[in-house]
Amino acid sequence: MIAGAGAMGASVAYHLALLGARDVVLTDRTAVASGATAKAMGGVRQQFSTAAEVRLAQASIRFFEELGPPLFQQVGYLFLATTDRGLDELTERMREQRALGVPVERARLPAELRADDVRGAVACWKDGLADPTAITRELVRRAVELGVVLHEGVDARELDREVLVVCAGPHSWELAPLPVRPLRRQLLETSLLEVPDNLPMVVEHETGFHFRRSQAGGSIVIAMADTEPLWGEGAEVDDAVFDDRLERLVHRYPPASGARVERAWAGLYDMTPDAHPIIGPVGEGLYAACGFSGHGFMQAPAVGRAVAEELLLGRSSFDLEPYRLERFAAGAVVPERVVL
């Protein structure tokens, strides 16, 4: 049984069924893709700071490519630096990523972006933008077609099961004793603008400020970490940051001049102490696939396959050792630094 019908739970269910599992039940206390998945930024990237995260992303990107437009738009992720130190960091990270097979390269900024204060930029044009809700529903559709039983509005703890796979994102700590904390992140969407179809996800390295074309087009979605982390499960939006975020957008993307915030929402990251997920057995009859720290949607295809293999075959073609719960007690923690 799988608790949580977001992107991760849907992927685990689908891959279990794909490998021939029977009696797979997917549950959600509310509805499919109604939690963190529905509020995600929707970026899909391979540009991480640790080899473990890069490999998860590499294994996932092929699934998104197979889906193709309109579910996945391969417009790229562009990281820009405004300081020499920032450029050095991007360059070093690019070398590490290229050594792992990620096609990252030096990049010129699109003509629409302000470039006079930019020291340099790197991009992976195989990365892109996806529709988290639509893709999750497609995974669930495929899973049900293969025999998975879906229960919405049901708490998994109320049903009999042999194994419970915890894919409840920021609520996972309620189901198992896991070091997962919910962190609120806010997203803002502008009023209508002229936005090129091929505008990449743009990320300012030093500040983490980033923006993308909206899924429907004609507006821009903005995100940035809050100065003080907003821990907890609240979904309130702090409109005090609106002016700052719009100023940053107009500075980097001058065509947004005059735009206003049309709507805003808050979602929850399921953070772990090192911003890496927890994947593997965590108790008697308990298996975890959570704590993705804002990267769950983009890594769901690879993780779903890996979890299904381990549960059914006792081993996975993917190395899951870096994600075991025991790493925290052993002190073997290498934090992921690119958390947007």
C-alpha atoms as a PDB file:
ATOM      1  CA  MET A   1       0.000   0.000   0.000  1.00  0.00           C
ATOM      2  CA  ILE A   2       1.216   3.494  -0.869  1.00  0.00           C
ATOM      3  CA  ALA A   3       0.344   6.531   1.231  1.00  0.00           C
ATOM      4  CA  GLY A   4       0.232   9.670  -0.865  1.00  0.00           C
ATOM      5  CA  ALA A   5      -1.036  10.083  -4.432  1.00  0.00           C
ATOM      6  CA  GLY A   6       1.268  12.922  -5.413  1.00  0.00           C
ATOM      7  CA  ALA A   7       3.935  12.545  -8.081  1.00  0.00           C
ATOM      8  CA  MET A   8       6.089  10.200  -5.979  1.00  0.00           C
ATOM      9  CA  GLY A   9       3.326   7.872  -4.817  1.00  0.00           C
ATOM     10  CA  ALA A  10       1.853   7.754  -8.311  1.00  0.00           C
ATOM     11  CA  SER A  11       5.222   6.837  -9.797  1.00  0.00           C
ATOM     12  CA  VAL A  12       5.832   4.079  -7.245  1.00  0.00           C
ATOM     13  CA  ALA A  13       2.369   2.634  -7.892  1.00  0.00           C
ATOM     14  CA  TYR A  14       2.810   2.760 -11.661  1.00  0.00           C
ATOM     15  CA  HIS A  15       6.227   1.113 -11.621  1.00  0.00           C
ATOM     16  CA  LEU A  16       5.109  -1.603  -9.200  1.00  0.00           C
ATOM     17  CA  ALA A  17       2.280  -2.475 -11.569  1.00  0.00           C
ATOM     18  CA  LEU A  18       4.596  -2.233 -14.558  1.00  0.00           C
ATOM     19  CA  LEU A  19       6.862  -4.835 -12.957  1.00  0.00           C
ATOM     20  CA  GLY A  20       3.902  -7.153 -12.427  1.00  0.00           C
ATOM     21  CA  ALA A  21       2.951  -6.507  -8.793  1.00  0.00           C
ATOM     22  CA  ARG A  22      -0.567  -7.429  -7.748  1.00  0.00           C
ATOM     23  CA  ASP A  23      -2.733  -6.043  -4.942  1.00  0.00           C
ATOM     24  CA  VAL A  24      -1.169  -2.574  -5.183  1.00  0.00           C
ATOM     25  CA  VAL A  25      -3.273   0.075  -3.442  1.00  0.00           C
ATOM     26  CA  LEU A  26      -2.655   3.811  -3.814  1.00  0.00           C
ATOM     27  CA  THR A  27      -4.284   6.030  -1.187  1.00  0.00           C
ATOM     28  CA  ASP A  28      -4.537   9.716  -0.454  1.00  0.00           C
ATOM     29  CA  ARG A  29      -6.255  11.519   2.402  1.00  0.00           C
ATOM     30  CA  THR A  30      -7.582  14.046  -0.093  1.00  0.00           C
ATOM     31  CA  ALA A  31      -7.224  13.524  -3.850  1.00  0.00           C
ATOM     32  CA  VAL A  32      -4.680  12.751  -6.550  1.00  0.00           C
ATOM     33  CA  ALA A  33      -2.084  15.527  -6.912  1.00  0.00           C
ATOM     34  CA  SER A  34      -3.857  17.727  -4.394  1.00  0.00           C
ATOM     35  CA  GLY A  35      -0.950  18.469  -2.053  1.00  0.00           C
ATOM     36  CA  ALA A  36       2.605  19.661  -2.681  1.00  0.00           C
ATOM     37  CA  THR A  37       2.553  18.338  -6.253  1.00  0.00           C
ATOM     38  CA  ALA A  38      -0.269  20.687  -7.243  1.00  0.00           C
ATOM     39  CA  LYS A  39       1.693  23.685  -5.967  1.00  0.00           C
ATOM     40  CA  ALA A  40       5.086  22.811  -7.416  1.00  0.00           C
ATOM     41  CA  MET A  41       7.117  25.094  -9.680  1.00  0.00           C
ATOM     42  CA  GLY A  42       7.317  22.332 -12.288  1.00  0.00           C
ATOM     43  CA  GLY A  43      10.983  22.597 -13.157  1.00  0.00           C
ATOM     44  CA  VAL A  44      12.877  19.510 -14.318  1.00  0.00           C
ATOM     45  CA  ARG A  45      16.670  19.785 -14.116  1.00  0.00           C
ATOM     46  CA  GLN A  46      19.844  17.746 -13.901  1.00  0.00           C
ATOM     47  CA  GLN A  47      22.008  20.533 -12.498  1.00  0.00           C
ATOM     48  CA  PHE A  48      22.619  19.549  -8.874  1.00  0.00           C
ATOM     49  CA  SER A  49      25.690  19.834  -6.659  1.00  0.00           C
ATOM     50  CA  THR A  50      26.049  16.177  -5.624  1.00  0.00           C
ATOM     51  CA  ALA A  51      26.536  13.112  -7.781  1.00  0.00           C
ATOM     52  CA  ALA A  52      23.675  11.285  -6.074  1.00  0.00           C
ATOM     53  CA  GLU A  53      21.147  13.951  -7.010  1.00  0.00           C
ATOM     54  CA  VAL A  54      22.512  14.281 -10.553  1.00  0.00           C
ATOM     55  CA  ARG A  55      22.054  10.559 -11.147  1.00  0.00           C
ATOM     56  CA  LEU A  56      18.457  10.629  -9.937  1.00  0.00           C
ATOM     57  CA  ALA A  57      17.743  13.507 -12.290  1.00  0.00           C
ATOM     58  CA  GLN A  58      19.475  11.867 -15.240  1.00  0.00           C
ATOM     59  CA  ALA A  59      17.430   8.726 -14.835  1.00  0.00           C
ATOM     60  CA  SER A  60      14.227  10.767 -14.663  1.00  0.00           C
ATOM     61  CA  ILE A  61      14.781  13.120 -17.579  1.00  0.00           C
ATOM     62  CA  ARG A  62      14.305  10.325 -20.113  1.00  0.00           C
ATOM     63  CA  PHE A  63      10.781   9.702 -18.839  1.00  0.00           C
ATOM     64  CA  PHE A  64       9.874  13.367 -19.237  1.00  0.00           C
ATOM     65  CA  GLU A  65      11.367  13.394 -22.735  1.00  0.00           C
ATOM     66  CA  GLU A  66       9.179  10.447 -23.679  1.00  0.00           C
ATOM     67  CA  LEU A  67       6.091  12.337 -22.517  1.00  0.00           C
ATOM     68  CA  GLY A  68       7.077  15.387 -24.553  1.00  0.00           C
ATOM     69  CA  PRO A  69       4.909  18.449 -25.201  1.00  0.00           C
ATOM     70  CA  PRO A  70       2.621  19.718 -23.843  1.00  0.00           C
ATOM     71  CA  LEU A  71       3.387  17.869 -20.597  1.00  0.00           C
ATOM     72  CA  PHE A  72       7.120  18.613 -20.838  1.00  0.00           C
ATOM     73  CA  GLN A  73       8.687  21.595 -22.595  1.00  0.00           C
ATOM     74  CA  GLN A  74      12.446  21.136 -23.056  1.00  0.00           C
ATOM     75  CA  VAL A  75      13.362  24.824 -22.912  1.00  0.00           C
ATOM     76  CA  GLY A  76      16.318  24.450 -20.558  1.00  0.00           C
ATOM     77  CA  TYR A  77      17.519  25.695 -17.183  1.00  0.00           C
ATOM     78  CA  LEU A  78      19.834  28.707 -17.210  1.00  0.00           C
ATOM     79  CA  PHE A  79      21.919  29.655 -14.153  1.00  0.00           C
ATOM     80  CA  LEU A  80      23.535  33.089 -14.234  1.00  0.00           C
ATOM     81  CA  ALA A  81      26.145  34.638 -11.947  1.00  0.00           C
ATOM     82  CA  THR A  82      26.522  38.321 -11.104  1.00  0.00           C
ATOM     83  CA  THR A  83      29.829  38.007  -9.220  1.00  0.00           C
ATOM     84  CA  ASP A  84      33.219  36.504 -10.018  1.00  0.00           C
ATOM     85  CA  ARG A  85      32.899  34.127  -7.098  1.00  0.00           C
ATOM     86  CA  GLY A  86      29.476  33.030  -8.289  1.00  0.00           C
ATOM     87  CA  LEU A  87      30.812  32.385 -11.777  1.00  0.00           C
ATOM     88  CA  ASP A  88      33.672  30.336 -10.355  1.00  0.00           C
ATOM     89  CA  GLU A  89      31.152  28.231  -8.424  1.00  0.00           C
ATOM     90  CA  LEU A  90      28.972  27.698 -11.495  1.00  0.00           C
ATOM     91  CA  THR A  91      32.037  26.796 -13.569  1.00  0.00           C
ATOM     92  CA  GLU A  92      33.261  24.239 -11.031  1.00  0.00           C
ATOM     93  CA  ARG A  93      29.799  22.737 -10.738  1.00  0.00           C
ATOM     94  CA  MET A  94      29.538  22.590 -14.527  1.00  0.00           C
ATOM     95  CA  ARG A  95      32.789  20.582 -14.680  1.00  0.00           C
ATOM     96  CA  GLU A  96      31.471  18.135 -12.092  1.00  0.00           C
ATOM     97  CA  GLN A  97      28.148  17.769 -13.879  1.00  0.00           C
ATOM     98  CA  ARG A  98      29.766  17.280 -17.281  1.00  0.00           C
ATOM     99  CA  ALA A  99      31.977  14.572 -15.787  1.00  0.00           C
ATOM    100  CA  LEU A 100      28.762  12.776 -14.830  1.00  0.00           C
ATOM    101  CA  GLY A 101      27.382  13.132 -18.346  1.00  0.00           C
ATOM    102  CA  VAL A 102      25.109  16.148 -17.970  1.00  0.00           C
ATOM    103  CA  PRO A 103      25.247  18.320 -21.142  1.00  0.00           C
ATOM    104  CA  VAL A 104      25.838  21.614 -19.323  1.00  0.00           C
ATOM    105  CA  GLU A 105      27.521  24.385 -21.263  1.00  0.00           C
ATOM    106  CA  ARG A 106      28.462  28.035 -21.143  1.00  0.00           C
ATOM    107  CA  ALA A 107      25.496  30.029 -22.332  1.00  0.00           C
ATOM    108  CA  ARG A 108      24.537  33.420 -23.636  1.00  0.00           C
ATOM    109  CA  LEU A 109      21.519  35.065 -22.100  1.00  0.00           C
ATOM    110  CA  PRO A 110      18.364  35.301 -24.213  1.00  0.00           C
ATOM    111  CA  ALA A 111      17.923  38.760 -25.704  1.00  0.00           C
ATOM    112  CA  GLU A 112      15.006  39.536 -23.362  1.00  0.00           C
ATOM    113  CA  LEU A 113      17.169  39.269 -20.235  1.00  0.00           C
ATOM    114  CA  ARG A 114      19.293  42.053 -18.792  1.00  0.00           C
ATOM    115  CA  ALA A 115      22.926  41.043 -19.154  1.00  0.00           C
ATOM    116  CA  ASP A 116      25.074  44.059 -18.262  1.00  0.00           C
ATOM    117  CA  ASP A 117      25.549  42.935 -14.644  1.00  0.00           C
ATOM    118  CA  VAL A 118      26.041  39.243 -15.469  1.00  0.00           C
ATOM    119  CA  ARG A 119      29.529  37.742 -15.239  1.00  0.00           C
ATOM    120  CA  GLY A 120      28.565  34.542 -16.999  1.00  0.00           C
ATOM    121  CA  ALA A 121      25.966  31.805 -17.311  1.00  0.00           C
ATOM    122  CA  VAL A 122      25.630  28.063 -17.790  1.00  0.00           C
ATOM    123  CA  ALA A 123      22.694  26.097 -19.123  1.00  0.00           C
ATOM    124  CA  CYS A 124      21.478  22.588 -19.773  1.00  0.00           C
ATOM    125  CA  TRP A 125      19.053  22.749 -22.674  1.00  0.00           C
ATOM    126  CA  LYS A 126      17.856  19.185 -22.042  1.00  0.00           C
ATOM    127  CA  ASP A 127      16.210  20.411 -18.829  1.00  0.00           C
ATOM    128  CA  GLY A 128      12.856  22.132 -18.904  1.00  0.00           C
ATOM    129  CA  LEU A 129       9.379  22.772 -17.572  1.00  0.00           C
ATOM    130  CA  ALA A 130       6.598  20.300 -16.852  1.00  0.00           C
ATOM    131  CA  ASP A 131       3.016  20.146 -15.633  1.00  0.00           C
ATOM    132  CA  PRO A 132       3.152  18.367 -12.236  1.00  0.00           C
ATOM    133  CA  THR A 133      -0.588  17.864 -11.849  1.00  0.00           C
ATOM    134  CA  ALA A 134      -1.189  16.583 -15.370  1.00  0.00           C
ATOM    135  CA  ILE A 135       1.798  14.236 -15.265  1.00  0.00           C
ATOM    136  CA  THR A 136       0.781  12.827 -11.889  1.00  0.00           C
ATOM    137  CA  ARG A 137      -2.719  12.167 -13.150  1.00  0.00           C
ATOM    138  CA  GLU A 138      -1.267  10.454 -16.205  1.00  0.00           C
ATOM    139  CA  LEU A 139       0.839   8.206 -13.963  1.00  0.00           C
ATOM    140  CA  VAL A 140      -2.227   7.344 -11.907  1.00  0.00           C
ATOM    141  CA  ARG A 141      -4.249   6.664 -15.040  1.00  0.00           C
ATOM    142  CA  ARG A 142      -1.600   4.242 -16.268  1.00  0.00           C
ATOM    143  CA  ALA A 143      -1.334   2.594 -12.852  1.00  0.00           C
ATOM    144  CA  VAL A 144      -5.089   2.033 -12.555  1.00  0.00           C
ATOM    145  CA  GLU A 145      -5.142   0.675 -16.093  1.00  0.00           C
ATOM    146  CA  LEU A 146      -2.578  -1.903 -14.950  1.00  0.00           C
ATOM    147  CA  GLY A 147      -4.681  -2.923 -11.962  1.00  0.00           C
ATOM    148  CA  VAL A 148      -3.708  -0.551  -9.139  1.00  0.00           C
ATOM    149  CA  VAL A 149      -6.610   0.237  -6.802  1.00  0.00           C
ATOM    150  CA  LEU A 150      -6.990   3.945  -6.029  1.00  0.00           C
ATOM    151  CA  HIS A 151      -8.617   5.211  -2.830  1.00  0.00           C
ATOM    152  CA  GLU A 152      -9.062   8.982  -2.501  1.00  0.00           C
ATOM    153  CA  GLY A 153     -10.191  10.570   0.750  1.00  0.00           C
ATOM    154  CA  VAL A 154      -8.806   7.609   2.710  1.00  0.00           C
ATOM    155  CA  ASP A 155      -6.072   7.514   5.355  1.00  0.00           C
ATOM    156  CA  ALA A 156      -3.745   4.598   4.588  1.00  0.00           C
ATOM    157  CA  ARG A 157      -3.445   3.801   8.284  1.00  0.00           C
ATOM    158  CA  GLU A 158      -7.103   2.786   8.324  1.00  0.00           C
ATOM    159  CA  LEU A 159      -6.591  -0.040   5.819  1.00  0.00           C
ATOM    160  CA  ASP A 160      -4.963  -3.434   6.182  1.00  0.00           C
ATOM    161  CA  ARG A 161      -1.618  -3.825   4.434  1.00  0.00           C
ATOM    162  CA  GLU A 162       1.544  -5.898   4.502  1.00  0.00           C
ATOM    163  CA  VAL A 163       3.857  -3.030   3.593  1.00  0.00           C
ATOM    164  CA  LEU A 164       3.186   0.696   3.774  1.00  0.00           C
ATOM    165  CA  VAL A 165       5.225   2.858   1.404  1.00  0.00           C
ATOM    166  CA  VAL A 166       5.324   6.383   2.820  1.00  0.00           C
ATOM    167  CA  CYS A 167       5.153   8.926  -0.021  1.00  0.00           C
ATOM    168  CA  ALA A 168       3.300  11.619   1.890  1.00  0.00           C
ATOM    169  CA  GLY A 169       5.771  14.432   1.288  1.00  0.00           C
ATOM    170  CA  PRO A 170       5.745  17.015   4.088  1.00  0.00           C
ATOM    171  CA  HIS A 171       3.259  14.886   6.040  1.00  0.00           C
ATOM    172  CA  SER A 172       5.446  11.774   6.016  1.00  0.00           C
ATOM    173  CA  TRP A 173       6.590  12.305   9.586  1.00  0.00           C
ATOM    174  CA  GLU A 174       3.003  11.598  10.688  1.00  0.00           C
ATOM    175  CA  LEU A 175       3.264   8.044   9.330  1.00  0.00           C
ATOM    176  CA  ALA A 176       6.782   7.099  10.385  1.00  0.00           C
ATOM    177  CA  PRO A 177       9.507   8.474  12.702  1.00  0.00           C
ATOM    178  CA  LEU A 178      11.402  10.375  10.021  1.00  0.00           C
ATOM    179  CA  PRO A 179      13.472  13.599  10.135  1.00  0.00           C
ATOM    180  CA  VAL A 180      11.222  15.347   7.622  1.00  0.00           C
ATOM    181  CA  ARG A 181      10.103  18.933   8.255  1.00  0.00           C
ATOM    182  CA  PRO A 182       7.617  20.950   6.181  1.00  0.00           C
ATOM    183  CA  LEU A 183       9.014  24.200   4.778  1.00  0.00           C
ATOM    184  CA  ARG A 184       6.677  26.718   3.189  1.00  0.00           C
ATOM    185  CA  ARG A 185       7.653  28.137  -0.201  1.00  0.00           C
ATOM    186  CA  GLN A 186       5.722  30.872  -1.979  1.00  0.00           C
ATOM    187  CA  LEU A 187       5.118  31.239  -5.705  1.00  0.00           C
ATOM    188  CA  LEU A 188       3.808  34.342  -7.443  1.00  0.00           C
ATOM    189  CA  GLU A 189       2.278  34.618 -10.907  1.00  0.00           C
ATOM    190  CA  THR A 190       2.236  37.884 -12.817  1.00  0.00           C
ATOM    191  CA  SER A 191      -0.479  39.516 -14.849  1.00  0.00           C
ATOM    192  CA  LEU A 192      -0.469  38.913 -18.607  1.00  0.00           C
ATOM    193  CA  LEU A 193       2.796  39.604 -20.421  1.00  0.00           C
ATOM    194  CA  GLU A 194       4.453  38.933 -23.747  1.00  0.00           C
ATOM    195  CA  VAL A 195       6.564  35.879 -22.920  1.00  0.00           C
ATOM    196  CA  PRO A 196       8.546  33.897 -25.531  1.00  0.00           C
ATOM    197  CA  ASP A 197       7.598  30.229 -25.770  1.00  0.00           C
ATOM    198  CA  ASN A 198      11.250  29.217 -25.434  1.00  0.00           C
ATOM    199  CA  LEU A 199      12.101  31.263 -22.341  1.00  0.00           C
ATOM    200  CA  PRO A 200      14.104  28.901 -20.068  1.00  0.00           C
ATOM    201  CA  MET A 201      13.881  28.614 -16.332  1.00  0.00           C
ATOM    202  CA  VAL A 202      16.122  31.486 -15.261  1.00  0.00           C
ATOM    203  CA  VAL A 203      17.993  31.164 -11.958  1.00  0.00           C
ATOM    204  CA  GLU A 204      20.171  33.819 -10.326  1.00  0.00           C
ATOM    205  CA  HIS A 205      22.915  31.790  -8.649  1.00  0.00           C
ATOM    206  CA  GLU A 206      23.768  34.146  -5.809  1.00  0.00           C
ATOM    207  CA  THR A 207      20.232  34.800  -4.604  1.00  0.00           C
ATOM    208  CA  GLY A 208      18.279  31.747  -5.791  1.00  0.00           C
ATOM    209  CA  PHE A 209      15.693  34.060  -7.380  1.00  0.00           C
ATOM    210  CA  HIS A 210      14.172  32.230 -10.329  1.00  0.00           C
ATOM    211  CA  PHE A 211      11.317  32.493 -12.781  1.00  0.00           C
ATOM    212  CA  ARG A 212       9.698  30.668 -15.657  1.00  0.00           C
ATOM    213  CA  ARG A 213       6.991  31.042 -18.241  1.00  0.00           C
ATOM    214  CA  SER A 214       3.660  29.861 -16.847  1.00  0.00           C
ATOM    215  CA  GLN A 215       2.229  26.583 -18.098  1.00  0.00           C
ATOM    216  CA  ALA A 216      -0.575  28.362 -19.905  1.00  0.00           C
ATOM    217  CA  GLY A 217       1.767  31.013 -21.266  1.00  0.00           C
ATOM    218  CA  GLY A 218       1.288  34.760 -21.164  1.00  0.00           C
ATOM    219  CA  SER A 219       2.555  35.231 -17.608  1.00  0.00           C
ATOM    220  CA  ILE A 220       5.585  34.492 -15.444  1.00  0.00           C
ATOM    221  CA  VAL A 221       5.833  32.452 -12.247  1.00  0.00           C
ATOM    222  CA  ILE A 222       8.351  33.708  -9.677  1.00  0.00           C
ATOM    223  CA  ALA A 223       9.959  31.953  -6.720  1.00  0.00           C
ATOM    224  CA  MET A 224      12.681  32.661  -4.182  1.00  0.00           C
ATOM    225  CA  ALA A 225      13.568  31.343  -0.749  1.00  0.00           C
ATOM    226  CA  ASP A 226      12.381  33.528   2.112  1.00  0.00           C
ATOM    227  CA  THR A 227      15.013  35.374   4.135  1.00  0.00           C
ATOM    228  CA  GLU A 228      13.813  33.557   7.240  1.00  0.00           C
ATOM    229  CA  PRO A 229      12.703  29.951   6.590  1.00  0.00           C
ATOM    230  CA  LEU A 230       8.956  29.501   7.079  1.00  0.00           C
ATOM    231  CA  TRP A 231       8.827  26.156   8.877  1.00  0.00           C
ATOM    232  CA  GLY A 232       5.431  24.574   9.420  1.00  0.00           C
ATOM    233  CA  GLU A 233       2.383  23.432   7.523  1.00  0.00           C
ATOM    234  CA  GLY A 234       0.715  26.797   7.027  1.00  0.00           C
ATOM    235  CA  ALA A 235      -0.241  27.787   3.495  1.00  0.00           C
ATOM    236  CA  GLU A 236      -0.546  31.528   4.051  1.00  0.00           C
ATOM    237  CA  VAL A 237       1.025  33.880   1.512  1.00  0.00           C
ATOM    238  CA  ASP A 238       3.128  36.817   2.686  1.00  0.00           C
ATOM    239  CA  ASP A 239       2.295  39.707   0.380  1.00  0.00           C
ATOM    240  CA  ALA A 240       5.065  41.794   1.953  1.00  0.00           C
ATOM    241  CA  VAL A 241       7.515  40.191  -0.505  1.00  0.00           C
ATOM    242  CA  PHE A 242       5.526  41.043  -3.639  1.00  0.00           C
ATOM    243  CA  ASP A 243       7.231  44.362  -4.421  1.00  0.00           C
ATOM    244  CA  ASP A 244      10.691  42.914  -3.913  1.00  0.00           C
ATOM    245  CA  ARG A 245      10.006  39.936  -6.188  1.00  0.00           C
ATOM    246  CA  LEU A 246       8.524  42.139  -8.913  1.00  0.00           C
ATOM    247  CA  GLU A 247      11.510  44.490  -8.743  1.00  0.00           C
ATOM    248  CA  ARG A 248      13.858  41.560  -9.136  1.00  0.00           C
ATOM    249  CA  LEU A 249      11.854  40.279 -12.101  1.00  0.00           C
ATOM    250  CA  VAL A 250      11.792  43.621 -13.895  1.00  0.00           C
ATOM    251  CA  HIS A 251      15.519  44.065 -13.273  1.00  0.00           C
ATOM    252  CA  ARG A 252      16.328  40.739 -14.933  1.00  0.00           C
ATOM    253  CA  TYR A 253      13.440  40.656 -17.415  1.00  0.00           C
ATOM    254  CA  PRO A 254      12.632  44.266 -18.434  1.00  0.00           C
ATOM    255  CA  PRO A 255       9.575  43.278 -20.554  1.00  0.00           C
ATOM    256  CA  ALA A 256       7.832  42.606 -17.224  1.00  0.00           C
ATOM    257  CA  SER A 257       7.777  46.321 -16.417  1.00  0.00           C
ATOM    258  CA  GLY A 258       4.311  47.294 -15.202  1.00  0.00           C
ATOM    259  CA  ALA A 259       3.339  43.740 -14.302  1.00  0.00           C
ATOM    260  CA  ARG A 260       1.542  43.030 -11.052  1.00  0.00           C
ATOM    261  CA  VAL A 261       1.045  39.902  -8.999  1.00  0.00           C
ATOM    262  CA  GLU A 262      -2.129  38.307 -10.325  1.00  0.00           C
ATOM    263  CA  ARG A 263      -2.167  35.375  -7.922  1.00  0.00           C
ATOM    264  CA  ALA A 264       0.046  33.738  -5.312  1.00  0.00           C
ATOM    265  CA  TRP A 265       0.129  30.453  -3.453  1.00  0.00           C
ATOM    266  CA  ALA A 266       2.252  28.535  -1.000  1.00  0.00           C
ATOM    267  CA  GLY A 267       3.372  24.926  -1.124  1.00  0.00           C
ATOM    268  CA  LEU A 268       5.403  22.740   1.198  1.00  0.00           C
ATOM    269  CA  TYR A 269       8.836  21.203   0.745  1.00  0.00           C
ATOM    270  CA  ASP A 270       9.520  18.015   2.708  1.00  0.00           C
ATOM    271  CA  MET A 271      12.977  18.914   3.989  1.00  0.00           C
ATOM    272  CA  THR A 272      15.578  16.578   5.454  1.00  0.00           C
ATOM    273  CA  PRO A 273      18.739  17.687   7.302  1.00  0.00           C
ATOM    274  CA  ASP A 274      20.882  17.281   4.159  1.00  0.00           C
ATOM    275  CA  ALA A 275      18.227  18.078   1.506  1.00  0.00           C
ATOM    276  CA  HIS A 276      18.525  14.523   0.154  1.00  0.00           C
ATOM    277  CA  PRO A 277      15.559  12.121   0.206  1.00  0.00           C
ATOM    278  CA  ILE A 278      14.998   9.170   2.490  1.00  0.00           C
ATOM    279  CA  ILE A 279      14.489   6.011   0.444  1.00  0.00           C
ATOM    280  CA  GLY A 280      14.376   2.531   1.930  1.00  0.00           C
ATOM    281  CA  PRO A 281      13.068   0.481   4.878  1.00  0.00           C
ATOM    282  CA  VAL A 282      12.438   2.588   7.989  1.00  0.00           C
ATOM    283  CA  GLY A 283      10.622   0.135  10.260  1.00  0.00           C
ATOM    284  CA  GLU A 284       8.694  -3.097  10.384  1.00  0.00           C
ATOM    285  CA  GLY A 285       6.462  -3.101   7.323  1.00  0.00           C
ATOM    286  CA  LEU A 286       7.437   0.518   6.593  1.00  0.00           C
ATOM    287  CA  TYR A 287       9.272   1.803   3.531  1.00  0.00           C
ATOM    288  CA  ALA A 288       9.934   5.491   2.850  1.00  0.00           C
ATOM    289  CA  ALA A 289      10.238   7.521  -0.331  1.00  0.00           C
ATOM    290  CA  CYS A 290      10.030  11.068   0.944  1.00  0.00           C
ATOM    291  CA  GLY A 291      12.086  14.053   2.104  1.00  0.00           C
ATOM    292  CA  PHE A 292      12.877  15.218  -1.421  1.00  0.00           C
ATOM    293  CA  SER A 293      13.352  18.823  -0.309  1.00  0.00           C
ATOM    294  CA  GLY A 294      11.649  20.399  -3.306  1.00  0.00           C
ATOM    295  CA  HIS A 295      12.953  17.916  -5.903  1.00  0.00           C
ATOM    296  CA  GLY A 296      10.387  15.136  -5.627  1.00  0.00           C
ATOM    297  CA  PHE A 297       8.410  15.829  -8.765  1.00  0.00           C
ATOM    298  CA  MET A 298      11.450  16.007 -11.040  1.00  0.00           C
ATOM    299  CA  GLN A 299      12.968  12.847  -9.521  1.00  0.00           C
ATOM    300  CA  ALA A 300       9.748  10.824  -9.270  1.00  0.00           C
ATOM    301  CA  PRO A 301      10.207   8.718 -12.433  1.00  0.00           C
ATOM    302  CA  ALA A 302      13.593   7.324 -11.382  1.00  0.00           C
ATOM    303  CA  VAL A 303      12.684   6.889  -7.733  1.00  0.00           C
ATOM    304  CA  GLY A 304       9.399   5.162  -8.552  1.00  0.00           C
ATOM    305  CA  ARG A 305      11.249   2.611 -10.663  1.00  0.00           C
ATOM    306  CA  ALA A 306      14.007   2.124  -8.075  1.00  0.00           C
ATOM    307  CA  VAL A 307      11.564   1.631  -5.194  1.00  0.00           C
ATOM    308  CA  ALA A 308       9.467  -0.825  -7.178  1.00  0.00           C
ATOM    309  CA  GLU A 309      12.549  -2.867  -8.052  1.00  0.00           C
ATOM    310  CA  GLU A 310      13.739  -2.995  -4.454  1.00  0.00           C
ATOM    311  CA  LEU A 311      10.329  -3.965  -3.090  1.00  0.00           C
ATOM    312  CA  LEU A 312       9.711  -6.695  -5.674  1.00  0.00           C
ATOM    313  CA  LEU A 313      13.199  -7.937  -6.526  1.00  0.00           C
ATOM    314  CA  GLY A 314      15.088  -7.142  -3.334  1.00  0.00           C
ATOM    315  CA  ARG A 315      17.532  -4.956  -5.218  1.00  0.00           C
ATOM    316  CA  SER A 316      17.473  -1.946  -7.494  1.00  0.00           C
ATOM    317  CA  SER A 317      19.371  -1.080 -10.661  1.00  0.00           C
ATOM    318  CA  PHE A 318      19.805   2.320  -9.051  1.00  0.00           C
ATOM    319  CA  ASP A 319      22.159   2.919  -6.104  1.00  0.00           C
ATOM    320  CA  LEU A 320      19.919   3.833  -3.168  1.00  0.00           C
ATOM    321  CA  GLU A 321      22.568   3.648  -0.457  1.00  0.00           C
ATOM    322  CA  PRO A 322      23.108   7.459  -0.315  1.00  0.00           C
ATOM    323  CA  TYR A 323      19.448   7.839   0.677  1.00  0.00           C
ATOM    324  CA  ARG A 324      19.132   5.413   3.572  1.00  0.00           C
ATOM    325  CA  LEU A 325      17.815   6.732   6.866  1.00  0.00           C
ATOM    326  CA  GLU A 326      20.850   5.326   8.681  1.00  0.00           C
ATOM    327  CA  ARG A 327      23.166   7.928   7.137  1.00  0.00           C
ATOM    328  CA  PHE A 328      22.084  10.514   9.694  1.00  0.00           C
ATOM    329  CA  ALA A 329      23.090   8.374  12.664  1.00  0.00           C
ATOM    330  CA  ALA A 330      26.381   7.503  10.955  1.00  0.00           C
ATOM    331  CA  GLY A 331      27.138  11.168  10.239  1.00  0.00           C
ATOM    332  CA  ALA A 332      27.585  10.461   6.513  1.00  0.00           C
ATOM    333  CA  VAL A 333      25.812  13.608   5.404  1.00  0.00           C
ATOM    334  CA  VAL A 334      26.757  15.531   2.236  1.00  0.00           C
ATOM    335  CA  PRO A 335      24.268  18.368   1.816  1.00  0.00           C
ATOM    336  CA  GLU A 336      22.750  19.208  -1.558  1.00  0.00           C
ATOM    337  CA  ARG A 337      23.473  22.905  -2.146  1.00  0.00           C
ATOM    338  CA  VAL A 338      21.177  23.647  -5.084  1.00  0.00           C
ATOM    339  CA  VAL A 339      17.823  23.857  -3.329  1.00  0.00           C
ATOM    340  CA  LEU A 340      15.618  26.383  -5.109  1.00  0.00           C
END
